[in-house]
Amino acid sequence: MEHNRRDVLKAGGAFAIGTGAIGQAAAQEDGSDSQQGTETEGGGDQSADLLANCWMHSGGTTPFKGAHGHREWSPWSLERRAEGLGEVGFNAIGLYHEDIRYRVEHEFTDGNLRARLQQMNNVLQQNGIDFVEVEFLTEWPLGEDDYRYQNNEENRQLLLEAADVLGANHVKVGNINGYPVSMEQLQQRFADISRQFSEVDTQVGMEFFPVDPNVRDISQAMEATRIAREEGTGGLYLDLWHLVKLGVDFDNIRALSADDITAVEFQDGYIETEMSFLEETINLRKVPGEGEFPISDWVNAVREAGFEGPWGLEILSEEFRRLSMDVAYPLAYNAGAEYVSSGN
């Protein structure tokens, strides 16, 4: 499949609108003519249980410090986002620790931390969003005496508190920094972090990546999470993006059970590019239907394993970040619902 030129950012940050769904949506938003329209109003299949990933609903934000345009908290209020997401059909949301921190420092400011988090929870509930994911912890594979683990304590405590007050179903963790540790250490440390969150009735999902030297496939992921899965406190977090990049065989997903899978998320993209892992990860996670990922095959495999949702939708690209909320949210929901609605 030939890559659309609008998907590849030039070194200087140049950006061009293309002719796909996002290009059409942006053209309509600018008031320009288009040969082919795209549905940008609500009204997609309301039977689709979709979770709006933290980056998908946050506008001009990106993970990874030092990345182009980096900001980890949304310029849009949570109240506006919750209302917009609920209106188009999302009933679940993902929240990133830096965005949570910004909200309780600048948007919800009455009372102590728990009172402020409860105000956040009220806003979500009022807009029909009753399923919450929180993220992201990175230093858990290290020993507790490691200064990097200790420096992550503030984020860990914030997510524990947020998970408790918001009634989070799960927290996402992963070895995105690529720390090499033994499988025995990984098993025990994942079990340890899972036990911590079990105290607030929150499961832990381990996401694995191409940059993780310890976990490269489903078999290794199952081994790393074995103790936590046996204790019922954690399991796998299956992100289609990383599974495709690692070349994971979907038959290995079909062989899982529902108890093995804590959560999932998907998007579209290209099988191979010449971009770096960092640049591709923050700029080419596309709206479903805009790339060449085998989304339907993956959805079927996850369903055969017994997973019932909600389905996380993680769109992360420069072009999507430039869309207004009124365009981005229905575009994402309708595209995602095409693959996971109960009628499919």
C-alpha atoms as a PDB file:
ATOM      1  CA  MET A   1       0.000   0.000   0.000  1.00  0.00           C
ATOM      2  CA  GLU A   2       1.450   3.357  -1.027  1.00  0.00           C
ATOM      3  CA  HIS A   3       1.807   5.683   1.935  1.00  0.00           C
ATOM      4  CA  ASN A   4      -0.126   8.941   1.701  1.00  0.00           C
ATOM      5  CA  ARG A   5       2.295  11.874   1.652  1.00  0.00           C
ATOM      6  CA  ARG A   6       0.338  13.728   4.321  1.00  0.00           C
ATOM      7  CA  ASP A   7       1.276  11.012   6.833  1.00  0.00           C
ATOM      8  CA  VAL A   8       5.002  11.672   6.755  1.00  0.00           C
ATOM      9  CA  LEU A   9       6.076  14.824   8.557  1.00  0.00           C
ATOM     10  CA  LYS A  10       9.074  16.630   7.140  1.00  0.00           C
ATOM     11  CA  ALA A  11      11.962  17.386   9.431  1.00  0.00           C
ATOM     12  CA  GLY A  12      10.907  21.014   9.720  1.00  0.00           C
ATOM     13  CA  GLY A  13       7.409  20.074  10.834  1.00  0.00           C
ATOM     14  CA  ALA A  14       5.659  20.824   7.521  1.00  0.00           C
ATOM     15  CA  PHE A  15       2.159  19.408   7.254  1.00  0.00           C
ATOM     16  CA  ALA A  16      -0.150  18.886   4.308  1.00  0.00           C
ATOM     17  CA  ILE A  17      -3.825  17.924   4.322  1.00  0.00           C
ATOM     18  CA  GLY A  18      -4.546  14.782   2.336  1.00  0.00           C
ATOM     19  CA  THR A  19      -7.654  13.215   0.862  1.00  0.00           C
ATOM     20  CA  GLY A  20      -8.532  10.569   3.472  1.00  0.00           C
ATOM     21  CA  ALA A  21     -11.104  10.850   6.261  1.00  0.00           C
ATOM     22  CA  ILE A  22      -9.031  13.278   8.327  1.00  0.00           C
ATOM     23  CA  GLY A  23      -8.159  15.363   5.293  1.00  0.00           C
ATOM     24  CA  GLN A  24     -11.804  15.562   4.320  1.00  0.00           C
ATOM     25  CA  ALA A  25     -12.829  16.451   7.858  1.00  0.00           C
ATOM     26  CA  ALA A  26     -10.209  19.183   8.088  1.00  0.00           C
ATOM     27  CA  ALA A  27     -11.242  20.565   4.718  1.00  0.00           C
ATOM     28  CA  GLN A  28     -14.853  20.734   5.828  1.00  0.00           C
ATOM     29  CA  GLU A  29     -13.832  22.385   9.068  1.00  0.00           C
ATOM     30  CA  ASP A  30     -11.977  25.058   7.074  1.00  0.00           C
ATOM     31  CA  GLY A  31     -15.030  25.582   4.892  1.00  0.00           C
ATOM     32  CA  SER A  32     -13.321  24.385   1.727  1.00  0.00           C
ATOM     33  CA  ASP A  33     -14.961  22.245  -0.960  1.00  0.00           C
ATOM     34  CA  SER A  34     -14.466  18.502  -1.033  1.00  0.00           C
ATOM     35  CA  GLN A  35     -15.268  15.863  -3.589  1.00  0.00           C
ATOM     36  CA  GLN A  36     -15.992  13.313  -0.915  1.00  0.00           C
ATOM     37  CA  GLY A  37     -17.520  14.162   2.430  1.00  0.00           C
ATOM     38  CA  THR A  38     -17.070  12.395   5.736  1.00  0.00           C
ATOM     39  CA  GLU A  39     -19.547  11.963   8.529  1.00  0.00           C
ATOM     40  CA  THR A  40     -18.598  14.368  11.297  1.00  0.00           C
ATOM     41  CA  GLU A  41     -21.794  14.338  13.315  1.00  0.00           C
ATOM     42  CA  GLY A  42     -22.829  11.829  15.978  1.00  0.00           C
ATOM     43  CA  GLY A  43     -25.076   8.972  15.084  1.00  0.00           C
ATOM     44  CA  GLY A  44     -22.611   6.135  14.642  1.00  0.00           C
ATOM     45  CA  ASP A  45     -23.590   2.714  15.982  1.00  0.00           C
ATOM     46  CA  GLN A  46     -24.434   3.459  19.609  1.00  0.00           C
ATOM     47  CA  SER A  47     -24.017  -0.239  20.490  1.00  0.00           C
ATOM     48  CA  ALA A  48     -20.231   0.062  20.208  1.00  0.00           C
ATOM     49  CA  ASP A  49     -18.514   0.181  23.603  1.00  0.00           C
ATOM     50  CA  LEU A  50     -15.572   2.445  22.803  1.00  0.00           C
ATOM     51  CA  LEU A  51     -13.018   3.948  25.167  1.00  0.00           C
ATOM     52  CA  ALA A  52     -11.496   7.273  24.144  1.00  0.00           C
ATOM     53  CA  ASN A  53      -7.782   6.903  24.834  1.00  0.00           C
ATOM     54  CA  CYS A  54      -6.100   9.812  26.633  1.00  0.00           C
ATOM     55  CA  TRP A  55      -4.266  11.019  23.514  1.00  0.00           C
ATOM     56  CA  MET A  56      -7.297  10.626  21.259  1.00  0.00           C
ATOM     57  CA  HIS A  57      -9.479  13.054  23.194  1.00  0.00           C
ATOM     58  CA  SER A  58      -6.875  15.553  24.388  1.00  0.00           C
ATOM     59  CA  GLY A  59      -6.201  17.700  21.321  1.00  0.00           C
ATOM     60  CA  GLY A  60      -2.666  19.125  21.113  1.00  0.00           C
ATOM     61  CA  THR A  61      -0.866  16.660  23.358  1.00  0.00           C
ATOM     62  CA  THR A  62       1.874  14.096  22.793  1.00  0.00           C
ATOM     63  CA  PRO A  63       3.711  11.546  24.931  1.00  0.00           C
ATOM     64  CA  PHE A  64       7.491  11.438  25.232  1.00  0.00           C
ATOM     65  CA  LYS A  65       9.330  14.524  26.382  1.00  0.00           C
ATOM     66  CA  GLY A  66      11.336  16.227  23.686  1.00  0.00           C
ATOM     67  CA  ALA A  67       8.923  15.252  20.907  1.00  0.00           C
ATOM     68  CA  HIS A  68       7.728  17.888  18.443  1.00  0.00           C
ATOM     69  CA  GLY A  69       4.910  19.923  19.999  1.00  0.00           C
ATOM     70  CA  HIS A  70       5.259  18.083  23.325  1.00  0.00           C
ATOM     71  CA  ARG A  71       2.634  18.700  25.995  1.00  0.00           C
ATOM     72  CA  GLU A  72       1.200  15.957  28.200  1.00  0.00           C
ATOM     73  CA  TRP A  73      -1.919  17.753  29.460  1.00  0.00           C
ATOM     74  CA  SER A  74      -4.864  18.795  27.334  1.00  0.00           C
ATOM     75  CA  PRO A  75      -5.649  22.436  26.517  1.00  0.00           C
ATOM     76  CA  TRP A  76      -9.338  21.437  26.580  1.00  0.00           C
ATOM     77  CA  SER A  77     -11.196  21.206  29.879  1.00  0.00           C
ATOM     78  CA  LEU A  78     -12.274  17.773  31.036  1.00  0.00           C
ATOM     79  CA  GLU A  79     -15.829  19.045  31.266  1.00  0.00           C
ATOM     80  CA  ARG A  80     -15.862  19.963  27.564  1.00  0.00           C
ATOM     81  CA  ARG A  81     -14.221  16.696  26.592  1.00  0.00           C
ATOM     82  CA  ALA A  82     -16.600  14.552  28.630  1.00  0.00           C
ATOM     83  CA  GLU A  83     -19.604  16.316  27.161  1.00  0.00           C
ATOM     84  CA  GLY A  84     -18.291  15.978  23.610  1.00  0.00           C
ATOM     85  CA  LEU A  85     -17.344  12.316  24.012  1.00  0.00           C
ATOM     86  CA  GLY A  86     -20.654  11.402  25.590  1.00  0.00           C
ATOM     87  CA  GLU A  87     -22.627  13.149  22.870  1.00  0.00           C
ATOM     88  CA  VAL A  88     -21.091  11.062  20.075  1.00  0.00           C
ATOM     89  CA  GLY A  89     -21.348   7.730  21.893  1.00  0.00           C
ATOM     90  CA  PHE A  90     -18.162   7.114  23.909  1.00  0.00           C
ATOM     91  CA  ASN A  91     -18.989   5.513  27.266  1.00  0.00           C
ATOM     92  CA  ALA A  92     -15.426   5.004  28.500  1.00  0.00           C
ATOM     93  CA  ILE A  93     -12.366   7.234  28.843  1.00  0.00           C
ATOM     94  CA  GLY A  94      -8.626   6.983  29.389  1.00  0.00           C
ATOM     95  CA  LEU A  95      -6.822   9.535  31.558  1.00  0.00           C
ATOM     96  CA  TYR A  96      -3.062  10.166  31.659  1.00  0.00           C
ATOM     97  CA  HIS A  97      -1.349  11.050  34.924  1.00  0.00           C
ATOM     98  CA  GLU A  98      -0.089  14.469  33.778  1.00  0.00           C
ATOM     99  CA  ASP A  99      -3.544  15.433  32.539  1.00  0.00           C
ATOM    100  CA  ILE A 100      -5.089  14.277  35.825  1.00  0.00           C
ATOM    101  CA  ARG A 101      -2.519  16.350  37.714  1.00  0.00           C
ATOM    102  CA  TYR A 102      -3.252  19.433  35.606  1.00  0.00           C
ATOM    103  CA  ARG A 103      -7.003  19.033  36.089  1.00  0.00           C
ATOM    104  CA  VAL A 104      -6.806  18.895  39.894  1.00  0.00           C
ATOM    105  CA  GLU A 105      -4.439  21.859  39.961  1.00  0.00           C
ATOM    106  CA  HIS A 106      -6.248  24.141  37.503  1.00  0.00           C
ATOM    107  CA  GLU A 107      -9.783  22.943  36.686  1.00  0.00           C
ATOM    108  CA  PHE A 108     -11.138  21.238  39.792  1.00  0.00           C
ATOM    109  CA  THR A 109      -9.757  23.251  42.675  1.00  0.00           C
ATOM    110  CA  ASP A 110     -12.168  22.898  45.608  1.00  0.00           C
ATOM    111  CA  GLY A 111     -11.099  20.842  48.600  1.00  0.00           C
ATOM    112  CA  ASN A 112      -8.364  18.235  48.953  1.00  0.00           C
ATOM    113  CA  LEU A 113      -7.153  15.863  46.249  1.00  0.00           C
ATOM    114  CA  ARG A 114      -9.897  13.301  46.791  1.00  0.00           C
ATOM    115  CA  ALA A 115     -12.575  15.996  46.665  1.00  0.00           C
ATOM    116  CA  ARG A 116     -11.154  17.318  43.394  1.00  0.00           C
ATOM    117  CA  LEU A 117     -11.009  13.833  41.889  1.00  0.00           C
ATOM    118  CA  GLN A 118     -14.603  13.315  42.951  1.00  0.00           C
ATOM    119  CA  GLN A 119     -15.546  16.475  41.043  1.00  0.00           C
ATOM    120  CA  MET A 120     -13.868  14.942  37.993  1.00  0.00           C
ATOM    121  CA  ASN A 121     -15.796  11.731  38.531  1.00  0.00           C
ATOM    122  CA  ASN A 122     -19.079  13.638  38.767  1.00  0.00           C
ATOM    123  CA  VAL A 123     -18.417  15.270  35.393  1.00  0.00           C
ATOM    124  CA  LEU A 124     -17.712  11.899  33.772  1.00  0.00           C
ATOM    125  CA  GLN A 125     -20.800  10.292  35.268  1.00  0.00           C
ATOM    126  CA  GLN A 126     -23.028  13.183  34.240  1.00  0.00           C
ATOM    127  CA  ASN A 127     -21.983  12.627  30.631  1.00  0.00           C
ATOM    128  CA  GLY A 128     -22.572   8.878  30.537  1.00  0.00           C
ATOM    129  CA  ILE A 129     -18.907   7.902  30.886  1.00  0.00           C
ATOM    130  CA  ASP A 130     -18.847   5.212  33.537  1.00  0.00           C
ATOM    131  CA  PHE A 131     -15.740   3.205  32.622  1.00  0.00           C
ATOM    132  CA  VAL A 132     -12.290   4.659  33.354  1.00  0.00           C
ATOM    133  CA  GLU A 133      -8.734   3.712  32.403  1.00  0.00           C
ATOM    134  CA  VAL A 134      -5.767   5.491  33.992  1.00  0.00           C
ATOM    135  CA  GLU A 135      -2.152   5.498  32.848  1.00  0.00           C
ATOM    136  CA  PHE A 136       0.922   5.342  32.734  1.00  0.00           C
ATOM    137  CA  LEU A 137       3.607   3.812  34.972  1.00  0.00           C
ATOM    138  CA  THR A 138       7.088   3.152  33.561  1.00  0.00           C
ATOM    139  CA  GLU A 139       9.530   2.382  36.391  1.00  0.00           C
ATOM    140  CA  TRP A 140       7.821  -0.637  37.967  1.00  0.00           C
ATOM    141  CA  PRO A 141      10.285  -3.160  36.378  1.00  0.00           C
ATOM    142  CA  LEU A 142      13.070  -1.672  38.515  1.00  0.00           C
ATOM    143  CA  GLY A 143      13.878  -2.540  42.127  1.00  0.00           C
ATOM    144  CA  GLU A 144      12.352  -0.400  44.868  1.00  0.00           C
ATOM    145  CA  ASP A 145      15.839   0.770  45.877  1.00  0.00           C
ATOM    146  CA  ASP A 146      16.460   2.204  42.387  1.00  0.00           C
ATOM    147  CA  TYR A 147      16.278   6.018  42.341  1.00  0.00           C
ATOM    148  CA  ARG A 148      14.257   5.906  39.106  1.00  0.00           C
ATOM    149  CA  TYR A 149      11.616   3.768  40.790  1.00  0.00           C
ATOM    150  CA  GLN A 150      11.601   6.136  43.737  1.00  0.00           C
ATOM    151  CA  ASN A 151      11.293   9.190  41.473  1.00  0.00           C
ATOM    152  CA  ASN A 152       8.129   7.637  40.015  1.00  0.00           C
ATOM    153  CA  GLU A 153       6.467   7.469  43.425  1.00  0.00           C
ATOM    154  CA  GLU A 154       4.473  10.675  42.944  1.00  0.00           C
ATOM    155  CA  ASN A 155       2.899   9.373  39.735  1.00  0.00           C
ATOM    156  CA  ARG A 156       2.174   6.010  41.327  1.00  0.00           C
ATOM    157  CA  GLN A 157       0.425   7.581  44.303  1.00  0.00           C
ATOM    158  CA  LEU A 158      -1.578   9.932  42.095  1.00  0.00           C
ATOM    159  CA  LEU A 159      -2.784   7.060  39.921  1.00  0.00           C
ATOM    160  CA  LEU A 160      -3.648   4.959  42.968  1.00  0.00           C
ATOM    161  CA  GLU A 161      -5.741   7.807  44.352  1.00  0.00           C
ATOM    162  CA  ALA A 162      -7.333   8.542  40.975  1.00  0.00           C
ATOM    163  CA  ALA A 163      -8.092   4.869  40.387  1.00  0.00           C
ATOM    164  CA  ASP A 164      -9.787   4.670  43.772  1.00  0.00           C
ATOM    165  CA  VAL A 165     -11.956   7.786  43.463  1.00  0.00           C
ATOM    166  CA  LEU A 166     -12.761   7.420  39.761  1.00  0.00           C
ATOM    167  CA  GLY A 167     -13.519   3.721  40.142  1.00  0.00           C
ATOM    168  CA  ALA A 168     -10.986   2.877  37.429  1.00  0.00           C
ATOM    169  CA  ASN A 169     -11.296  -0.563  35.898  1.00  0.00           C
ATOM    170  CA  HIS A 170      -7.590  -0.774  35.091  1.00  0.00           C
ATOM    171  CA  VAL A 171      -4.289   1.055  34.983  1.00  0.00           C
ATOM    172  CA  LYS A 172      -1.916   0.729  32.040  1.00  0.00           C
ATOM    173  CA  VAL A 173       1.783   0.074  32.701  1.00  0.00           C
ATOM    174  CA  GLY A 174       4.676  -0.873  30.466  1.00  0.00           C
ATOM    175  CA  ASN A 175       8.443  -1.043  30.096  1.00  0.00           C
ATOM    176  CA  ILE A 176       8.555   1.755  27.530  1.00  0.00           C
ATOM    177  CA  ASN A 177      12.056   2.736  28.718  1.00  0.00           C
ATOM    178  CA  GLY A 178      13.356  -0.720  27.829  1.00  0.00           C
ATOM    179  CA  TYR A 179      14.912  -1.757  31.145  1.00  0.00           C
ATOM    180  CA  PRO A 180      16.524  -5.215  30.832  1.00  0.00           C
ATOM    181  CA  VAL A 181      15.537  -7.413  33.768  1.00  0.00           C
ATOM    182  CA  SER A 182      15.236 -11.144  34.288  1.00  0.00           C
ATOM    183  CA  MET A 183      11.898 -12.847  33.722  1.00  0.00           C
ATOM    184  CA  GLU A 184      11.766 -13.801  37.401  1.00  0.00           C
ATOM    185  CA  GLN A 185      12.208 -10.153  38.397  1.00  0.00           C
ATOM    186  CA  LEU A 186       9.629  -9.031  35.851  1.00  0.00           C
ATOM    187  CA  GLN A 187       7.072 -11.544  37.113  1.00  0.00           C
ATOM    188  CA  GLN A 188       7.521 -10.518  40.722  1.00  0.00           C
ATOM    189  CA  ARG A 189       7.575  -6.767  40.094  1.00  0.00           C
ATOM    190  CA  PHE A 190       4.485  -6.890  37.904  1.00  0.00           C
ATOM    191  CA  ALA A 191       2.782  -8.922  40.627  1.00  0.00           C
ATOM    192  CA  ASP A 192       3.867  -6.302  43.180  1.00  0.00           C
ATOM    193  CA  ILE A 193       2.422  -3.337  41.272  1.00  0.00           C
ATOM    194  CA  SER A 194      -0.716  -5.350  40.553  1.00  0.00           C
ATOM    195  CA  ARG A 195      -1.198  -6.062  44.252  1.00  0.00           C
ATOM    196  CA  GLN A 196      -0.897  -2.353  45.032  1.00  0.00           C
ATOM    197  CA  PHE A 197      -3.708  -1.458  42.657  1.00  0.00           C
ATOM    198  CA  SER A 198      -5.815  -4.425  43.741  1.00  0.00           C
ATOM    199  CA  GLU A 199      -6.195  -2.585  47.061  1.00  0.00           C
ATOM    200  CA  VAL A 200      -8.321  -0.012  45.200  1.00  0.00           C
ATOM    201  CA  ASP A 201     -10.101  -2.672  43.105  1.00  0.00           C
ATOM    202  CA  THR A 202      -8.197  -1.801  39.932  1.00  0.00           C
ATOM    203  CA  GLN A 203      -6.625  -4.329  37.566  1.00  0.00           C
ATOM    204  CA  VAL A 204      -3.195  -3.725  36.039  1.00  0.00           C
ATOM    205  CA  GLY A 205      -2.628  -4.233  32.322  1.00  0.00           C
ATOM    206  CA  MET A 206       0.892  -4.757  30.999  1.00  0.00           C
ATOM    207  CA  GLU A 207       1.438  -3.267  27.550  1.00  0.00           C
ATOM    208  CA  PHE A 208       4.501  -4.498  25.670  1.00  0.00           C
ATOM    209  CA  PHE A 209       6.440  -2.750  22.915  1.00  0.00           C
ATOM    210  CA  PRO A 210       9.127  -3.231  20.264  1.00  0.00           C
ATOM    211  CA  VAL A 211      11.535  -1.351  22.585  1.00  0.00           C
ATOM    212  CA  ASP A 212      10.977  -3.790  25.471  1.00  0.00           C
ATOM    213  CA  PRO A 213      13.944  -6.217  25.544  1.00  0.00           C
ATOM    214  CA  ASN A 214      12.175  -8.658  27.856  1.00  0.00           C
ATOM    215  CA  VAL A 215       8.751  -9.221  26.277  1.00  0.00           C
ATOM    216  CA  ARG A 216       8.455  -9.612  22.497  1.00  0.00           C
ATOM    217  CA  ASP A 217       5.477 -11.924  22.030  1.00  0.00           C
ATOM    218  CA  ILE A 218       2.344 -13.313  23.663  1.00  0.00           C
ATOM    219  CA  SER A 219       4.181 -16.246  25.230  1.00  0.00           C
ATOM    220  CA  GLN A 220       6.665 -13.979  27.022  1.00  0.00           C
ATOM    221  CA  ALA A 221       3.866 -11.592  28.031  1.00  0.00           C
ATOM    222  CA  MET A 222       1.955 -14.499  29.541  1.00  0.00           C
ATOM    223  CA  GLU A 223       5.040 -15.566  31.452  1.00  0.00           C
ATOM    224  CA  ALA A 224       5.709 -12.030  32.727  1.00  0.00           C
ATOM    225  CA  THR A 225       2.138 -11.668  34.009  1.00  0.00           C
ATOM    226  CA  ARG A 226       1.754 -15.240  35.294  1.00  0.00           C
ATOM    227  CA  ILE A 227       1.762 -14.506  39.035  1.00  0.00           C
ATOM    228  CA  ALA A 228      -0.587 -11.537  38.721  1.00  0.00           C
ATOM    229  CA  ARG A 229      -2.965 -13.491  36.505  1.00  0.00           C
ATOM    230  CA  GLU A 230      -3.012 -16.372  38.966  1.00  0.00           C
ATOM    231  CA  GLU A 231      -3.804 -13.896  41.743  1.00  0.00           C
ATOM    232  CA  GLY A 232      -6.453 -12.184  39.621  1.00  0.00           C
ATOM    233  CA  THR A 233      -4.851  -8.750  39.899  1.00  0.00           C
ATOM    234  CA  GLY A 234      -3.405  -8.135  36.431  1.00  0.00           C
ATOM    235  CA  GLY A 235      -2.995  -9.339  32.875  1.00  0.00           C
ATOM    236  CA  LEU A 236      -2.186  -8.386  29.302  1.00  0.00           C
ATOM    237  CA  TYR A 237      -2.857  -5.027  27.699  1.00  0.00           C
ATOM    238  CA  LEU A 238      -3.123  -5.713  23.956  1.00  0.00           C
ATOM    239  CA  ASP A 239      -2.417  -2.686  21.754  1.00  0.00           C
ATOM    240  CA  LEU A 240      -2.838  -3.490  18.064  1.00  0.00           C
ATOM    241  CA  TRP A 241      -0.116  -0.994  17.141  1.00  0.00           C
ATOM    242  CA  HIS A 242       2.620  -2.789  19.052  1.00  0.00           C
ATOM    243  CA  LEU A 243       1.338  -6.247  18.171  1.00  0.00           C
ATOM    244  CA  VAL A 244       1.590  -5.432  14.465  1.00  0.00           C
ATOM    245  CA  LYS A 245       5.046  -3.882  14.858  1.00  0.00           C
ATOM    246  CA  LEU A 246       6.222  -6.989  16.733  1.00  0.00           C
ATOM    247  CA  GLY A 247       4.702  -9.329  14.157  1.00  0.00           C
ATOM    248  CA  VAL A 248       2.537 -11.138  16.724  1.00  0.00           C
ATOM    249  CA  ASP A 249       0.538 -14.035  15.282  1.00  0.00           C
ATOM    250  CA  PHE A 250      -3.156 -13.394  16.019  1.00  0.00           C
ATOM    251  CA  ASP A 251      -3.679 -17.145  16.503  1.00  0.00           C
ATOM    252  CA  ASN A 252      -1.757 -16.722  19.749  1.00  0.00           C
ATOM    253  CA  ILE A 253      -4.344 -14.138  20.807  1.00  0.00           C
ATOM    254  CA  ARG A 254      -7.220 -16.488  19.949  1.00  0.00           C
ATOM    255  CA  ALA A 255      -5.684 -19.064  22.282  1.00  0.00           C
ATOM    256  CA  LEU A 256      -5.973 -16.712  25.289  1.00  0.00           C
ATOM    257  CA  SER A 257      -8.861 -16.630  27.732  1.00  0.00           C
ATOM    258  CA  ALA A 258     -10.839 -13.567  28.787  1.00  0.00           C
ATOM    259  CA  ASP A 259      -9.133 -13.677  32.206  1.00  0.00           C
ATOM    260  CA  ASP A 260      -5.742 -13.218  30.538  1.00  0.00           C
ATOM    261  CA  ILE A 261      -6.711  -9.893  28.950  1.00  0.00           C
ATOM    262  CA  THR A 262      -7.073  -6.790  31.112  1.00  0.00           C
ATOM    263  CA  ALA A 263      -7.724  -4.326  28.287  1.00  0.00           C
ATOM    264  CA  VAL A 264      -7.190  -3.680  24.572  1.00  0.00           C
ATOM    265  CA  GLU A 265      -6.841  -0.736  22.220  1.00  0.00           C
ATOM    266  CA  PHE A 266      -6.574  -0.282  18.486  1.00  0.00           C
ATOM    267  CA  GLN A 267      -5.979   2.184  15.671  1.00  0.00           C
ATOM    268  CA  ASP A 268      -4.740   2.006  12.100  1.00  0.00           C
ATOM    269  CA  GLY A 269      -1.286   2.445  10.656  1.00  0.00           C
ATOM    270  CA  TYR A 270       1.289   1.099   8.228  1.00  0.00           C
ATOM    271  CA  ILE A 271       3.044  -2.245   8.574  1.00  0.00           C
ATOM    272  CA  GLU A 272       6.468  -0.835   7.751  1.00  0.00           C
ATOM    273  CA  THR A 273       7.866   2.698   7.430  1.00  0.00           C
ATOM    274  CA  GLU A 274      11.300   4.286   7.432  1.00  0.00           C
ATOM    275  CA  MET A 275      10.462   6.497  10.407  1.00  0.00           C
ATOM    276  CA  SER A 276      11.956   6.076  13.882  1.00  0.00           C
ATOM    277  CA  PHE A 277       9.965   4.265  16.565  1.00  0.00           C
ATOM    278  CA  LEU A 278       9.407   7.561  18.403  1.00  0.00           C
ATOM    279  CA  GLU A 279       8.272   9.589  15.400  1.00  0.00           C
ATOM    280  CA  GLU A 280       6.063   6.829  14.035  1.00  0.00           C
ATOM    281  CA  THR A 281       4.516   6.129  17.421  1.00  0.00           C
ATOM    282  CA  ILE A 282       3.392   9.722  17.990  1.00  0.00           C
ATOM    283  CA  ASN A 283       2.538  10.673  14.405  1.00  0.00           C
ATOM    284  CA  LEU A 284       1.212   7.644  12.500  1.00  0.00           C
ATOM    285  CA  ARG A 285      -1.392   6.042  14.768  1.00  0.00           C
ATOM    286  CA  LYS A 286      -4.272   6.634  12.435  1.00  0.00           C
ATOM    287  CA  VAL A 287      -8.055   6.643  12.362  1.00  0.00           C
ATOM    288  CA  PRO A 288      -9.347   3.085  11.719  1.00  0.00           C
ATOM    289  CA  GLY A 289      -9.757   2.537   7.993  1.00  0.00           C
ATOM    290  CA  GLU A 290      -7.014   5.012   7.053  1.00  0.00           C
ATOM    291  CA  GLY A 291      -4.075   2.583   7.000  1.00  0.00           C
ATOM    292  CA  GLU A 292      -3.284  -1.055   6.311  1.00  0.00           C
ATOM    293  CA  PHE A 293      -3.577  -2.763   9.701  1.00  0.00           C
ATOM    294  CA  PRO A 294      -5.661  -6.003   9.785  1.00  0.00           C
ATOM    295  CA  ILE A 295      -8.107  -4.499  12.284  1.00  0.00           C
ATOM    296  CA  SER A 296     -11.016  -6.872  11.620  1.00  0.00           C
ATOM    297  CA  ASP A 297      -8.786  -9.939  11.983  1.00  0.00           C
ATOM    298  CA  TRP A 298      -7.454  -8.611  15.292  1.00  0.00           C
ATOM    299  CA  VAL A 299     -10.935  -7.779  16.603  1.00  0.00           C
ATOM    300  CA  ASN A 300     -12.099 -11.293  15.718  1.00  0.00           C
ATOM    301  CA  ALA A 301      -9.096 -12.854  17.448  1.00  0.00           C
ATOM    302  CA  VAL A 302      -9.645 -10.820  20.619  1.00  0.00           C
ATOM    303  CA  ARG A 303     -13.334 -11.696  20.617  1.00  0.00           C
ATOM    304  CA  GLU A 304     -12.559 -15.389  20.192  1.00  0.00           C
ATOM    305  CA  ALA A 305     -10.403 -15.116  23.304  1.00  0.00           C
ATOM    306  CA  GLY A 306     -13.520 -13.949  25.160  1.00  0.00           C
ATOM    307  CA  PHE A 307     -12.861 -10.227  25.507  1.00  0.00           C
ATOM    308  CA  GLU A 308     -16.056  -8.170  25.471  1.00  0.00           C
ATOM    309  CA  GLY A 309     -14.847  -4.578  25.719  1.00  0.00           C
ATOM    310  CA  PRO A 310     -14.849  -1.694  25.947  1.00  0.00           C
ATOM    311  CA  TRP A 311     -12.454  -1.244  23.068  1.00  0.00           C
ATOM    312  CA  GLY A 312      -9.821   1.437  23.518  1.00  0.00           C
ATOM    313  CA  LEU A 313      -9.309   3.743  20.558  1.00  0.00           C
ATOM    314  CA  GLU A 314      -5.810   5.249  20.487  1.00  0.00           C
ATOM    315  CA  ILE A 315      -5.341   7.710  17.635  1.00  0.00           C
ATOM    316  CA  LEU A 316      -2.103   9.638  17.864  1.00  0.00           C
ATOM    317  CA  SER A 317      -0.981  11.717  14.915  1.00  0.00           C
ATOM    318  CA  GLU A 318      -0.076  15.282  14.005  1.00  0.00           C
ATOM    319  CA  GLU A 319      -2.994  15.549  11.598  1.00  0.00           C
ATOM    320  CA  PHE A 320      -5.539  14.300  14.147  1.00  0.00           C
ATOM    321  CA  ARG A 321      -4.199  16.645  16.841  1.00  0.00           C
ATOM    322  CA  ARG A 322      -4.987  19.620  14.590  1.00  0.00           C
ATOM    323  CA  LEU A 323      -8.708  18.815  14.356  1.00  0.00           C
ATOM    324  CA  SER A 324     -11.265  20.566  16.520  1.00  0.00           C
ATOM    325  CA  MET A 325     -13.119  18.563  19.137  1.00  0.00           C
ATOM    326  CA  ASP A 326     -16.368  18.755  17.158  1.00  0.00           C
ATOM    327  CA  VAL A 327     -14.692  17.101  14.173  1.00  0.00           C
ATOM    328  CA  ALA A 328     -12.272  14.717  15.896  1.00  0.00           C
ATOM    329  CA  TYR A 329     -14.645  12.985  18.281  1.00  0.00           C
ATOM    330  CA  PRO A 330     -17.379  11.851  15.874  1.00  0.00           C
ATOM    331  CA  LEU A 331     -14.772  11.004  13.240  1.00  0.00           C
ATOM    332  CA  ALA A 332     -12.998   8.704  15.694  1.00  0.00           C
ATOM    333  CA  TYR A 333     -16.141   7.164  17.150  1.00  0.00           C
ATOM    334  CA  ASN A 334     -17.784   6.391  13.819  1.00  0.00           C
ATOM    335  CA  ALA A 335     -14.560   4.910  12.402  1.00  0.00           C
ATOM    336  CA  GLY A 336     -13.975   2.750  15.460  1.00  0.00           C
ATOM    337  CA  ALA A 337     -17.596   1.594  15.642  1.00  0.00           C
ATOM    338  CA  GLU A 338     -17.317   0.217  12.102  1.00  0.00           C
ATOM    339  CA  TYR A 339     -15.065  -2.509  13.494  1.00  0.00           C
ATOM    340  CA  VAL A 340     -16.418  -3.276  16.968  1.00  0.00           C
ATOM    341  CA  SER A 341     -20.165  -2.546  16.935  1.00  0.00           C
ATOM    342  CA  SER A 342     -22.316  -5.408  18.156  1.00  0.00           C
ATOM    343  CA  GLY A 343     -23.894  -5.763  14.723  1.00  0.00           C
ATOM    344  CA  ASN A 344     -20.581  -6.654  13.045  1.00  0.00           C
END
